[in-house]
Amino acid sequence: MQEFLTAHGLPALFFLSFLASTLIPLGSEWLLVALLLKGGAPIPVVATASAGNFLGACTSYWLGIYGSRFIEERLFRMQPRDKERAERFFARFGSWSLLFSWLPVVGDPLCLVAGVLRVGFIRFSILVLTGKSARYALVAWAALEGRSLFV
């Protein structure tokens, strides 16, 4: 599988990054590093991973928006007062937490909750894209700097 993904380069990275940013537990950093170590240009590699990961987060966000009634009532079993309290909390600091949407385990649900609580799409986009791009840029930098230690 690794050979297949590395052989397909940027399209495979986009697809894996997209899936990794949905509620499916996958990682895409290893492919980003593999492509860089095979000689891929850092800017297109980081941009591709960031775009795929951002669009995957948008999928979770839109699921939150359009499936919010089901999510609120069936999954979270929220009462109206619980929703109001969550909205106040998220309005106060919660949307800034979207900068950490790249974190494993909590990042994908953050995007879903942002949709449920109707965070503005522009605010969502800026915060999520900033966090995810910074993470991939840091991974790329570490991989390229680390390679120089062994060459």
Foldseek 3Di string as FASTA:
>chain_A
DLVVLLVVPLVSLLQQLLCCLAPDPDDRLVSLLVNVVVPDDLPSSLVSSLVSNLVSLVVLLVCLQVVLVCCCCPVVNHDPVNLVVVLVVCVVPVLLCQLVLVDPPVNSVSSNVCNNSVPDPVSSSVSNSNSSSVVSSVSSVCSVVVVVVVD
